[in-house]
Structure formats: structure tokens, C-alpha cells
C-alpha atoms as a PDB file:
ATOM      1  CA  MET A   1    -122.699  21.915  21.631  1.00  0.00           C
ATOM      2  CA  ARG A   2    -119.922  20.103  19.701  1.00  0.00           C
ATOM      3  CA  GLN A   3    -121.907  16.356  19.919  1.00  0.00           C
ATOM      4  CA  THR A   4    -125.026  18.119  18.017  1.00  0.00           C
ATOM      5  CA  ALA A   5    -122.321  19.765  15.699  1.00  0.00           C
ATOM      6  CA  LEU A   6    -120.855  17.167  14.718  1.00  0.00           C
ATOM      7  CA  LEU A   7    -123.690  15.046  14.697  1.00  0.00           C
ATOM      8  CA  PHE A   8    -124.669  17.480  11.333  1.00  0.00           C
ATOM      9  CA  VAL A   9    -121.058  16.945   9.877  1.00  0.00           C
ATOM     10  CA  ILE A  10    -122.060  13.813   9.905  1.00  0.00           C
ATOM     11  CA  ALA A  11    -125.421  13.405   8.514  1.00  0.00           C
ATOM     12  CA  VAL A  12    -124.280  16.129   5.796  1.00  0.00           C
ATOM     13  CA  VAL A  13    -121.297  14.169   4.544  1.00  0.00           C
ATOM     14  CA  GLY A  14    -123.616  10.875   4.541  1.00  0.00           C
ATOM     15  CA  THR A  15    -126.344  12.552   2.566  1.00  0.00           C
ATOM     16  CA  ALA A  16    -123.659  13.912   0.179  1.00  0.00           C
ATOM     17  CA  ALA A  17    -122.378  10.000  -0.397  1.00  0.00           C
ATOM     18  CA  ASN A  18    -125.419   8.988  -1.232  1.00  0.00           C
ATOM     19  CA  ALA A  19    -126.061  12.090  -4.160  1.00  0.00           C
ATOM     20  CA  GLN A  20    -125.927  12.179  -7.887  1.00  0.00           C
ATOM     21  CA  PHE A  21    -124.564  15.007  -9.760  1.00  0.00           C
ATOM     22  CA  THR A  22    -126.196  15.191 -13.385  1.00  0.00           C
ATOM     23  CA  LEU A  23    -125.000  17.623 -15.765  1.00  0.00           C
ATOM     24  CA  ARG A  24    -127.105  18.214 -18.918  1.00  0.00           C
ATOM     25  CA  PRO A  25    -126.895  20.128 -22.027  1.00  0.00           C
ATOM     26  CA  GLN A  26    -129.893  20.732 -24.456  1.00  0.00           C
ATOM     27  CA  ILE A  27    -131.362  22.595 -27.112  1.00  0.00           C
ATOM     28  CA  GLY A  28    -134.834  23.290 -28.010  1.00  0.00           C
ATOM     29  CA  ILE A  29    -137.315  25.944 -28.865  1.00  0.00           C
ATOM     30  CA  GLU A  30    -138.470  29.002 -26.917  1.00  0.00           C
ATOM     31  CA  ASN A  31    -141.870  31.173 -27.150  1.00  0.00           C
ATOM     32  CA  PRO A  32    -142.125  33.664 -24.641  1.00  0.00           C
ATOM     33  CA  VAL A  33    -144.928  36.181 -25.383  1.00  0.00           C
ATOM     34  CA  THR A  34    -144.434  39.908 -24.630  1.00  0.00           C
ATOM     35  CA  LYS A  35    -147.551  41.491 -24.397  1.00  0.00           C
ATOM     36  CA  ILE A  36    -147.694  45.620 -23.910  1.00  0.00           C
ATOM     37  CA  SER A  37    -150.183  48.112 -22.574  1.00  0.00           C
ATOM     38  CA  TYR A  38    -150.406  51.456 -24.058  1.00  0.00           C
ATOM     39  CA  ASN A  39    -151.747  54.274 -21.387  1.00  0.00           C
ATOM     40  CA  ASP A  40    -153.390  51.941 -19.752  1.00  0.00           C
ATOM     41  CA  LEU A  41    -155.584  50.732 -23.324  1.00  0.00           C
ATOM     42  CA  ALA A  42    -156.086  46.663 -23.535  1.00  0.00           C
ATOM     43  CA  SER A  43    -152.575  45.074 -23.491  1.00  0.00           C
ATOM     44  CA  PHE A  44    -151.514  42.789 -27.124  1.00  0.00           C
ATOM     45  CA  ALA A  45    -148.917  41.289 -28.979  1.00  0.00           C
ATOM     46  CA  PRO A  46    -146.575  43.131 -31.141  1.00  0.00           C
ATOM     47  CA  ILE A  47    -144.571  40.267 -32.818  1.00  0.00           C
ATOM     48  CA  THR A  48    -144.198  36.854 -32.303  1.00  0.00           C
ATOM     49  CA  GLN A  49    -141.465  35.572 -30.580  1.00  0.00           C
ATOM     50  CA  PHE A  50    -141.298  31.999 -31.672  1.00  0.00           C
ATOM     51  CA  GLN A  51    -137.140  30.807 -31.983  1.00  0.00           C
ATOM     52  CA  PRO A  52    -134.689  28.246 -31.062  1.00  0.00           C
ATOM     53  CA  GLN A  53    -132.807  27.670 -27.503  1.00  0.00           C
ATOM     54  CA  ILE A  54    -129.712  26.467 -26.477  1.00  0.00           C
ATOM     55  CA  GLY A  55    -129.087  26.053 -22.508  1.00  0.00           C
ATOM     56  CA  LEU A  56    -127.015  23.816 -19.970  1.00  0.00           C
ATOM     57  CA  HIS A  57    -128.833  22.170 -16.888  1.00  0.00           C
ATOM     58  CA  ALA A  58    -126.858  21.114 -13.331  1.00  0.00           C
ATOM     59  CA  ASP A  59    -128.092  19.034 -10.484  1.00  0.00           C
ATOM     60  CA  TYR A  60    -127.334  17.242  -7.697  1.00  0.00           C
ATOM     61  CA  LYS A  61    -129.798  14.517  -6.674  1.00  0.00           C
ATOM     62  CA  PHE A  62    -130.139  12.985  -3.087  1.00  0.00           C
ATOM     63  CA  LYS A  63    -130.874   9.646  -1.935  1.00  0.00           C
ATOM     64  CA  SER A  64    -134.550  10.935  -0.867  1.00  0.00           C
ATOM     65  CA  GLY A  65    -135.100  12.588  -4.483  1.00  0.00           C
ATOM     66  CA  PHE A  66    -134.853  16.219  -4.150  1.00  0.00           C
ATOM     67  CA  GLY A  67    -132.070  17.953  -4.660  1.00  0.00           C
ATOM     68  CA  PRO A  68    -130.974  21.777  -6.233  1.00  0.00           C
ATOM     69  CA  PHE A  69    -130.438  22.798  -9.482  1.00  0.00           C
ATOM     70  CA  ILE A  70    -128.723  25.230 -11.439  1.00  0.00           C
ATOM     71  CA  GLY A  71    -128.756  26.450 -15.418  1.00  0.00           C
ATOM     72  CA  LEU A  72    -127.975  28.702 -18.260  1.00  0.00           C
ATOM     73  CA  SER A  73    -130.000  29.184 -21.355  1.00  0.00           C
ATOM     74  CA  SER A  74    -130.316  31.729 -23.613  1.00  0.00           C
ATOM     75  CA  SER A  75    -132.981  34.411 -23.946  1.00  0.00           C
ATOM     76  CA  ARG A  76    -135.083  37.015 -26.118  1.00  0.00           C
ATOM     77  CA  THR A  77    -137.932  37.755 -24.618  1.00  0.00           C
ATOM     78  CA  ALA A  78    -137.539  41.239 -24.904  1.00  0.00           C
ATOM     79  CA  VAL A  79    -139.225  42.784 -27.585  1.00  0.00           C
ATOM     80  CA  ASN A  80    -137.773  46.652 -28.976  1.00  0.00           C
ATOM     81  CA  TYR A  81    -141.224  48.960 -28.968  1.00  0.00           C
ATOM     82  CA  ASN A  82    -140.097  51.778 -31.900  1.00  0.00           C
ATOM     83  CA  PHE A  83    -142.630  54.582 -32.666  1.00  0.00           C
ATOM     84  CA  ASN A  84    -142.161  58.579 -33.299  1.00  0.00           C
ATOM     85  CA  ASP A  85    -145.571  60.220 -32.160  1.00  0.00           C
ATOM     86  CA  PRO A  86    -146.340  59.401 -28.586  1.00  0.00           C
ATOM     87  CA  ALA A  87    -150.039  60.282 -29.659  1.00  0.00           C
ATOM     88  CA  THR A  88    -150.111  57.843 -32.258  1.00  0.00           C
ATOM     89  CA  GLY A  89    -148.033  55.381 -30.658  1.00  0.00           C
ATOM     90  CA  MET A  90    -150.341  52.715 -30.532  1.00  0.00           C
ATOM     91  CA  THR A  91    -151.148  52.670 -33.931  1.00  0.00           C
ATOM     92  CA  ALA A  92    -147.849  53.521 -35.992  1.00  0.00           C
ATOM     93  CA  TYR A  93    -144.590  51.581 -34.463  1.00  0.00           C
ATOM     94  CA  THR A  94    -142.851  49.050 -35.441  1.00  0.00           C
ATOM     95  CA  ALA A  95    -141.298  45.813 -33.123  1.00  0.00           C
ATOM     96  CA  THR A  96    -138.283  43.900 -33.098  1.00  0.00           C
ATOM     97  CA  MET A  97    -136.597  41.348 -30.803  1.00  0.00           C
ATOM     98  CA  SER A  98    -133.841  42.313 -28.879  1.00  0.00           C
ATOM     99  CA  LYS A  99    -130.761  40.506 -28.952  1.00  0.00           C
ATOM    100  CA  MET A 100    -129.674  37.741 -27.524  1.00  0.00           C
ATOM    101  CA  GLN A 101    -129.442  37.351 -23.190  1.00  0.00           C
ATOM    102  CA  LEU A 102    -128.237  34.867 -20.677  1.00  0.00           C
ATOM    103  CA  ALA A 103    -130.722  33.416 -18.357  1.00  0.00           C
ATOM    104  CA  LEU A 104    -129.970  31.887 -14.907  1.00  0.00           C
ATOM    105  CA  GLN A 105    -131.840  29.466 -13.527  1.00  0.00           C
ATOM    106  CA  ALA A 106    -131.861  28.251  -9.889  1.00  0.00           C
ATOM    107  CA  GLY A 107    -134.260  25.947  -7.586  1.00  0.00           C
ATOM    108  CA  LEU A 108    -135.347  22.789  -6.388  1.00  0.00           C
ATOM    109  CA  GLN A 109    -136.068  19.372  -8.086  1.00  0.00           C
ATOM    110  CA  TYR A 110    -137.868  16.301  -7.330  1.00  0.00           C
ATOM    111  CA  SER A 111    -136.857  12.876  -9.246  1.00  0.00           C
ATOM    112  CA  SER A 112    -139.534   9.979  -9.259  1.00  0.00           C
ATOM    113  CA  LYS A 113    -138.330   6.373  -8.872  1.00  0.00           C
ATOM    114  CA  PRO A 114    -137.537   5.294 -12.428  1.00  0.00           C
ATOM    115  CA  VAL A 115    -140.660   3.181 -14.134  1.00  0.00           C
ATOM    116  CA  PHE A 116    -140.208   0.216 -16.391  1.00  0.00           C
ATOM    117  CA  LEU A 117    -141.534   0.726 -20.201  1.00  0.00           C
ATOM    118  CA  ASN A 118    -141.420  -2.740 -20.567  1.00  0.00           C
ATOM    119  CA  LEU A 119    -143.058  -5.870 -19.369  1.00  0.00           C
ATOM    120  CA  HIS A 120    -140.238  -8.149 -19.494  1.00  0.00           C
ATOM    121  CA  ALA A 121    -137.908  -6.130 -17.532  1.00  0.00           C
ATOM    122  CA  ILE A 122    -140.381  -6.558 -14.591  1.00  0.00           C
ATOM    123  CA  LYS A 123    -140.804 -10.405 -14.962  1.00  0.00           C
ATOM    124  CA  GLY A 124    -139.358 -10.962 -11.610  1.00  0.00           C
ATOM    125  CA  ASN A 125    -137.766 -14.492 -10.801  1.00  0.00           C
ATOM    126  CA  CYS A 126    -135.189 -15.907  -8.557  1.00  0.00           C
ATOM    127  CA  GLY A 127    -132.340 -13.276  -9.629  1.00  0.00           C
ATOM    128  CA  SER A 128    -134.683 -10.032  -9.978  1.00  0.00           C
ATOM    129  CA  GLU A 129    -135.074  -7.035  -7.941  1.00  0.00           C
ATOM    130  CA  ASN A 130    -137.971  -8.159  -6.451  1.00  0.00           C
ATOM    131  CA  ARG A 131    -136.443 -12.067  -5.765  1.00  0.00           C
ATOM    132  CA  SER A 132    -137.367 -10.857  -1.525  1.00  0.00           C
ATOM    133  CA  GLY A 133    -140.990 -12.096  -1.635  1.00  0.00           C
ATOM    134  CA  MET A 134    -139.945 -15.180  -4.288  1.00  0.00           C
ATOM    135  CA  ARG A 135    -136.862 -16.208  -3.685  1.00  0.00           C
ATOM    136  CA  ALA A 136    -139.361 -18.671  -0.441  1.00  0.00           C
ATOM    137  CA  GLY A 137    -140.679 -20.193  -3.311  1.00  0.00           C
ATOM    138  CA  CYS A 138    -138.490 -20.829  -5.837  1.00  0.00           C
ATOM    139  CA  CYS A 139    -136.036 -23.531  -3.204  1.00  0.00           C
ATOM    140  CA  HIS A 140    -139.789 -24.282  -2.466  1.00  0.00           C
ATOM    141  CA  SER A 141    -138.264 -27.781  -4.444  1.00  0.00           C
ATOM    142  CA  SER A 142    -135.574 -28.105  -6.274  1.00  0.00           C
ATOM    143  CA  SER A 143    -137.658 -29.007  -9.861  1.00  0.00           C
ATOM    144  CA  SER A 144    -138.297 -24.682  -8.709  1.00  0.00           C
ATOM    145  CA  CYS A 145    -134.620 -24.528  -8.236  1.00  0.00           C
ATOM    146  CA  SER A 146    -133.703 -26.367 -11.518  1.00  0.00           C
ATOM    147  CA  ARG A 147    -136.133 -23.595 -13.822  1.00  0.00           C
ATOM    148  CA  SER A 148    -134.384 -20.591 -12.082  1.00  0.00           C
ATOM    149  CA  LYS A 149    -130.938 -21.864 -13.390  1.00  0.00           C
ATOM    150  CA  THR A 150    -132.453 -22.572 -17.126  1.00  0.00           C
ATOM    151  CA  ASN A 151    -134.428 -19.222 -17.091  1.00  0.00           C
ATOM    152  CA  ILE A 152    -130.731 -16.946 -16.292  1.00  0.00           C
ATOM    153  CA  PRO A 153    -130.215 -16.187 -20.319  1.00  0.00           C
ATOM    154  CA  GLU A 154    -133.809 -15.299 -20.337  1.00  0.00           C
ATOM    155  CA  LYS A 155    -133.297 -12.444 -17.421  1.00  0.00           C
ATOM    156  CA  SER A 156    -130.261 -11.142 -19.039  1.00  0.00           C
ATOM    157  CA  MET A 157    -131.893 -10.284 -22.118  1.00  0.00           C
ATOM    158  CA  ALA A 158    -134.129  -8.555 -20.120  1.00  0.00           C
ATOM    159  CA  LYS A 159    -131.793  -6.691 -17.903  1.00  0.00           C
ATOM    160  CA  ARG A 160    -130.160  -5.881 -21.301  1.00  0.00           C
ATOM    161  CA  ASP A 161    -133.799  -4.449 -23.390  1.00  0.00           C
ATOM    162  CA  SER A 162    -134.462  -2.199 -19.643  1.00  0.00           C
ATOM    163  CA  TRP A 163    -136.328   1.179 -20.243  1.00  0.00           C
ATOM    164  CA  THR A 164    -137.342   2.845 -17.672  1.00  0.00           C
ATOM    165  CA  ILE A 165    -138.882   6.339 -16.972  1.00  0.00           C
ATOM    166  CA  SER A 166    -138.299   9.029 -14.144  1.00  0.00           C
ATOM    167  CA  LEU A 167    -140.549  12.049 -13.619  1.00  0.00           C
ATOM    168  CA  GLN A 168    -138.481  15.417 -13.032  1.00  0.00           C
ATOM    169  CA  PRO A 169    -140.915  18.116 -11.452  1.00  0.00           C
ATOM    170  CA  SER A 170    -139.057  21.677 -10.870  1.00  0.00           C
ATOM    171  CA  ALA A 171    -140.193  25.470  -9.698  1.00  0.00           C
ATOM    172  CA  GLY A 172    -137.124  28.590  -9.689  1.00  0.00           C
ATOM    173  CA  ILE A 173    -136.593  31.652 -10.153  1.00  0.00           C
ATOM    174  CA  SER A 174    -134.744  32.843 -13.068  1.00  0.00           C
ATOM    175  CA  TYR A 175    -132.502  36.049 -13.353  1.00  0.00           C
ATOM    176  CA  ILE A 176    -131.269  38.071 -16.168  1.00  0.00           C
ATOM    177  CA  PRO A 177    -128.333  40.230 -15.589  1.00  0.00           C
ATOM    178  CA  SER A 178    -129.876  42.777 -17.986  1.00  0.00           C
ATOM    179  CA  SER A 179    -128.682  46.801 -17.932  1.00  0.00           C
ATOM    180  CA  ARG A 180    -130.607  47.408 -20.857  1.00  0.00           C
ATOM    181  CA  PRO A 181    -132.857  51.510 -19.794  1.00  0.00           C
ATOM    182  CA  THR A 182    -137.137  50.457 -20.024  1.00  0.00           C
ATOM    183  CA  LEU A 183    -137.424  53.663 -22.342  1.00  0.00           C
ATOM    184  CA  SER A 184    -134.378  56.126 -24.433  1.00  0.00           C
ATOM    185  CA  GLU A 185    -134.623  58.316 -27.176  1.00  0.00           C
ATOM    186  CA  LYS A 186    -134.287  57.790 -30.477  1.00  0.00           C
ATOM    187  CA  SER A 187    -134.220  59.862 -33.420  1.00  0.00           C
ATOM    188  CA  PRO A 188    -136.687  60.653 -35.047  1.00  0.00           C
ATOM    189  CA  GLY A 189    -138.651  58.366 -32.310  1.00  0.00           C
ATOM    190  CA  TYR A 190    -138.633  56.410 -28.850  1.00  0.00           C
ATOM    191  CA  VAL A 191    -137.614  52.283 -28.165  1.00  0.00           C
ATOM    192  CA  TYR A 192    -139.763  50.948 -25.346  1.00  0.00           C
ATOM    193  CA  ASN A 193    -138.103  47.961 -24.234  1.00  0.00           C
ATOM    194  CA  ALA A 194    -140.861  45.837 -23.038  1.00  0.00           C
ATOM    195  CA  GLY A 195    -140.716  42.775 -21.624  1.00  0.00           C
ATOM    196  CA  ASN A 196    -137.219  44.018 -19.671  1.00  0.00           C
ATOM    197  CA  MET A 197    -138.058  41.921 -16.642  1.00  0.00           C
ATOM    198  CA  LYS A 198    -134.852  40.519 -14.726  1.00  0.00           C
ATOM    199  CA  THR A 199    -136.472  38.370 -12.713  1.00  0.00           C
ATOM    200  CA  ALA A 200    -139.348  35.550 -13.597  1.00  0.00           C
ATOM    201  CA  ILE A 201    -141.036  32.088 -12.218  1.00  0.00           C
ATOM    202  CA  VAL A 202    -140.092  28.958 -14.140  1.00  0.00           C
ATOM    203  CA  THR A 203    -141.932  25.591 -13.419  1.00  0.00           C
ATOM    204  CA  GLY A 204    -141.391  22.136 -15.168  1.00  0.00           C
ATOM    205  CA  MET A 205    -141.533  19.189 -16.091  1.00  0.00           C
ATOM    206  CA  SER A 206    -138.898  16.847 -17.392  1.00  0.00           C
ATOM    207  CA  PHE A 207    -139.016  13.468 -18.897  1.00  0.00           C
ATOM    208  CA  GLU A 208    -135.473  11.202 -18.146  1.00  0.00           C
ATOM    209  CA  PHE A 209    -135.152   7.372 -19.827  1.00  0.00           C
ATOM    210  CA  ALA A 210    -132.679   5.240 -19.054  1.00  0.00           C
ATOM    211  CA  LYS A 211    -131.661   1.937 -20.197  1.00  0.00           C
ATOM    212  CA  ASN A 212    -130.733  -0.290 -18.003  1.00  0.00           C
ATOM    213  CA  LYS A 213    -129.745   2.398 -15.017  1.00  0.00           C
ATOM    214  CA  THR A 214    -128.131   4.926 -17.690  1.00  0.00           C
ATOM    215  CA  LYS A 215    -129.327   7.556 -18.241  1.00  0.00           C
ATOM    216  CA  PHE A 216    -130.622   8.399 -21.888  1.00  0.00           C
ATOM    217  CA  LEU A 217    -132.370  10.919 -22.867  1.00  0.00           C
ATOM    218  CA  THR A 218    -134.224  13.821 -20.739  1.00  0.00           C
ATOM    219  CA  VAL A 219    -137.201  15.383 -22.260  1.00  0.00           C
ATOM    220  CA  SER A 220    -138.377  19.399 -20.486  1.00  0.00           C
ATOM    221  CA  PHE A 221    -140.771  21.235 -20.346  1.00  0.00           C
ATOM    222  CA  ASN A 222    -140.957  24.748 -18.954  1.00  0.00           C
ATOM    223  CA  TYR A 223    -143.552  27.805 -18.373  1.00  0.00           C
ATOM    224  CA  PHE A 224    -142.090  31.220 -16.951  1.00  0.00           C
ATOM    225  CA  LYS A 225    -143.512  33.957 -16.274  1.00  0.00           C
ATOM    226  CA  GLY A 226    -141.766  37.752 -15.465  1.00  0.00           C
ATOM    227  CA  LEU A 227    -142.787  39.294 -12.031  1.00  0.00           C
ATOM    228  CA  GLY A 228    -143.013  43.606 -12.443  1.00  0.00           C
ATOM    229  CA  ASN A 229    -144.399  45.329 -15.640  1.00  0.00           C
ATOM    230  CA  ASP A 230    -142.081  47.238 -16.302  1.00  0.00           C
ATOM    231  CA  GLU A 231    -144.066  50.554 -16.038  1.00  0.00           C
ATOM    232  CA  THR A 232    -142.934  53.740 -17.504  1.00  0.00           C
ATOM    233  CA  THR A 233    -144.489  57.392 -17.515  1.00  0.00           C
ATOM    234  CA  PHE A 234    -142.923  60.060 -20.241  1.00  0.00           C
ATOM    235  CA  ASN A 235    -144.088  63.757 -21.469  1.00  0.00           C
ATOM    236  CA  ALA A 236    -143.167  64.512 -24.801  1.00  0.00           C
ATOM    237  CA  SER A 237    -144.515  67.091 -27.833  1.00  0.00           C
ATOM    238  CA  SER A 238    -146.913  65.677 -30.642  1.00  0.00           C
ATOM    239  CA  ALA A 239    -146.257  67.064 -33.327  1.00  0.00           C
ATOM    240  CA  SER A 240    -149.773  65.732 -34.841  1.00  0.00           C
ATOM    241  CA  ALA A 241    -151.892  66.625 -31.236  1.00  0.00           C
ATOM    242  CA  SER A 242    -149.929  69.752 -31.730  1.00  0.00           C
ATOM    243  CA  LYS A 243    -149.629  69.958 -27.974  1.00  0.00           C
ATOM    244  CA  THR A 244    -148.057  67.681 -24.988  1.00  0.00           C
ATOM    245  CA  VAL A 245    -148.726  64.808 -24.825  1.00  0.00           C
ATOM    246  CA  SER A 246    -147.897  62.954 -21.517  1.00  0.00           C
ATOM    247  CA  THR A 247    -147.791  58.139 -21.783  1.00  0.00           C
ATOM    248  CA  THR A 248    -147.684  55.560 -20.201  1.00  0.00           C
ATOM    249  CA  LEU A 249    -146.073  52.245 -20.843  1.00  0.00           C
ATOM    250  CA  SER A 250    -146.139  48.937 -19.216  1.00  0.00           C
ATOM    251  CA  SER A 251    -145.452  45.443 -20.169  1.00  0.00           C
ATOM    252  CA  LYS A 252    -145.491  41.870 -19.137  1.00  0.00           C
ATOM    253  CA  VAL A 253    -144.278  38.594 -20.701  1.00  0.00           C
ATOM    254  CA  SER A 254    -145.005  35.070 -20.324  1.00  0.00           C
ATOM    255  CA  GLY A 255    -144.048  31.431 -22.511  1.00  0.00           C
ATOM    256  CA  TRP A 256    -142.911  28.136 -22.291  1.00  0.00           C
ATOM    257  CA  ASN A 257    -140.263  26.323 -23.406  1.00  0.00           C
ATOM    258  CA  ALA A 258    -139.013  22.963 -24.151  1.00  0.00           C
ATOM    259  CA  SER A 259    -136.607  20.962 -24.876  1.00  0.00           C
ATOM    260  CA  VAL A 260    -133.897  17.974 -24.841  1.00  0.00           C
ATOM    261  CA  GLY A 261    -130.845  17.086 -23.258  1.00  0.00           C
ATOM    262  CA  ILE A 262    -128.348  14.332 -22.568  1.00  0.00           C
ATOM    263  CA  PRO A 263    -127.878  13.928 -19.209  1.00  0.00           C
ATOM    264  CA  ILE A 264    -124.634  12.726 -17.726  1.00  0.00           C
ATOM    265  CA  SER A 265    -124.162  11.791 -14.047  1.00  0.00           C
ATOM    266  CA  PHE A 266    -121.638  11.828 -11.802  1.00  0.00           C
ATOM    267  CA  ALA A 267    -121.653   9.736  -9.138  1.00  0.00           C
ATOM    268  CA  ARG A 268    -119.505   7.946  -6.379  1.00  0.00           C
ATOM    269  CA  SER A 269    -118.837   4.080  -7.024  1.00  0.00           C
ATOM    270  CA  SER A 270    -120.847   1.476  -5.862  1.00  0.00           C
ATOM    271  CA  ALA A 271    -120.255  -1.649  -7.717  1.00  0.00           C
ATOM    272  CA  SER A 272    -117.747  -3.369  -5.007  1.00  0.00           C
ATOM    273  CA  LYS A 273    -120.344  -3.103  -2.347  1.00  0.00           C
ATOM    274  CA  ASN A 274    -122.873  -4.234  -4.665  1.00  0.00           C
ATOM    275  CA  LYS A 275    -120.209  -6.855  -6.062  1.00  0.00           C
ATOM    276  CA  ARG A 276    -120.077  -7.933  -2.344  1.00  0.00           C
ATOM    277  CA  HIS A 277    -123.606  -8.257  -1.129  1.00  0.00           C
ATOM    278  CA  HIS A 278    -124.757 -10.351  -4.588  1.00  0.00           C
ATOM    279  CA  SER A 279    -121.866 -13.166  -4.020  1.00  0.00           C
ATOM    280  CA  GLY A 280    -123.417 -13.008  -0.362  1.00  0.00           C
ATOM    281  CA  TYR A 281    -126.691 -13.870  -1.436  1.00  0.00           C
ATOM    282  CA  GLY A 282    -125.618 -16.387  -3.992  1.00  0.00           C
ATOM    283  CA  GLU A 283    -124.142 -18.346  -1.980  1.00  0.00           C
ATOM    284  CA  GLN A 284    -127.175 -18.870   0.571  1.00  0.00           C
ATOM    285  CA  TYR A 285    -129.304 -19.295  -2.388  1.00  0.00           C
ATOM    286  CA  ARG A 286    -126.477 -22.364  -3.653  1.00  0.00           C
ATOM    287  CA  ILE A 287    -126.487 -23.886  -0.285  1.00  0.00           C
ATOM    288  CA  ARG A 288    -130.289 -23.512   0.320  1.00  0.00           C
ATOM    289  CA  CYS A 289    -130.740 -25.347  -3.066  1.00  0.00           C
ATOM    290  CA  GLN A 290    -128.430 -28.545  -1.889  1.00  0.00           C
ATOM    291  CA  SER A 291    -129.766 -28.580   1.443  1.00  0.00           C
ATOM    292  CA  VAL A 292    -133.954 -29.491  -0.188  1.00  0.00           C
ATOM    293  CA  ARG A 293    -132.114 -31.204  -2.816  1.00  0.00           C
ATOM    294  CA  LYS A 294    -130.571 -33.489  -0.236  1.00  0.00           C
ATOM    295  CA  ILE A 295    -134.063 -33.627   1.378  1.00  0.00           C
END
């Protein structure tokens, strides 16, 4: 049992050593659509809720590409639906967006391997990332070795201009710690807080742009759908109907948002390890080329 626990701890520590933490402040737009159903009739959207949005996203990526994420963002999905007479509340009403709230997100995200956007960056030679498949041809003759030396400045220019893009699909849950009542009386009428859901499903896709392995910009698109229908039923007297009227209100909310952010990465530096690896490979490469020339 102790050996199993020890192996588990070693595996977790080894995985975390290859992980990368990224913090991303972002700004964008949000377009929630809150629909209201009055007495089980067809639902309708009383107002347009297109608005700006700010947020903060943080993710922890393991070597496999998967990892958890958490986020904070502004949200104004709820709508204040005001009416005076329950009998005419579907036609005689005023609607306004509720106050700004803070939404919390958490879920799982996957980051794909970077894909080069320019052709110069993928033209490999002896010094490129795919040199394992080409080094045999490079040192096949002394002339190829000399050509590889003359191409060093060109390869350096290609590396300086290497732009890549990574795809980051994600799925999770959004939570709004709201304590507002579903229905409240406000003289001379009533206020129904439509779209007052606390939880929602969130799915999205992000496109992370990097230059020379340095993350530059992230563009994100997300879709969300509230869980529940926020239904309430009450009895109240109606001035127009001259009797007590039973009224049922329900609502649902869904929508999308888009944002741009600047990723800030924190990872353990492996420059010394890479330097040792490349220096050892370069020494073998020079010895092999020299032996070919002597022949």
C-alpha cells in the first residue's frame, strides 16, 4: 500500500513538473438572450442585452494538453420585468437589465499542439525541429554539410518569424452567487427577475497565437445556457379584471460571448536542459561531418 501511494505521489510530481500555468486578462462582448413565458404562453425576449464584458481566465496545462481552468467575468444576464396589473402584464410592462454581477467559471480545457502559420517556419534543414529525419541526408556528403552551414542565417530568420496557432476547446460550469428574489412587490406593481439562474453550462473554443513559442494573443468564443427555468406562480387582484388572477412566470437564458486576451505563462525554465541537449547533438554532428570530409 505504501509503495502504491509513493508511486502515485511520484507520478503526480512528475506530471506537475511538465505543467504550465497561464493567466489571461481579457475583454470582449456578451450577448445573452433572456426569454420570458407569461402564463405558459409563447416565450419572448423583452429587451436586447448586447453589452461589453471583462474577465480573467486561468488554466493549468499538463504535458498531455489537458488541464483544469477557472475564470471570473462580468455578467448581466438577468432582466428586471416590471408590470402593474397581472391581467395585462404581458403587454403593459417595462424591462431593464439588472445590475452587473460576477460570474465564476470552472471546467476542463485541452490545448492542441502549435500549428505553423507561415511556410518559412516549417522548411526544415539540419537545424530544424525535424532534423532527425534529415540529418542522414545532410551528412551524406561534404557538399551537403557545407550547404547547411551557409543556410544558418536563413534558418535564423525563419525562426524569428515563426507564428503558430493552438486550438483550445473547453467545457465547464458557470456560477453566479446571486441572492435576488425571483418576484418582489414594488409599488404600484411587481418586479420579476427573469433569467435569475445561478448555474449555466459553458462550452467554447479559443485560438492562441504565439510567436517564436512566446504566447502573444488569444481569441475566445463561448456559448452558455442557463440551467432551470426560474418559475414562480402567485395570486393577486387585478384592477382590469376585477378579480383575483393566478399568474405563472418562467424564464430561460442562453447566449454567447467573444473576447480577446493576453496570455501570461508561468513554467519551470528548461533552458539549461535544452542547451545541454543541443550542444551534445551539435558535437556529434560536427564529428560526423569531419569524418565524411576525410573520406
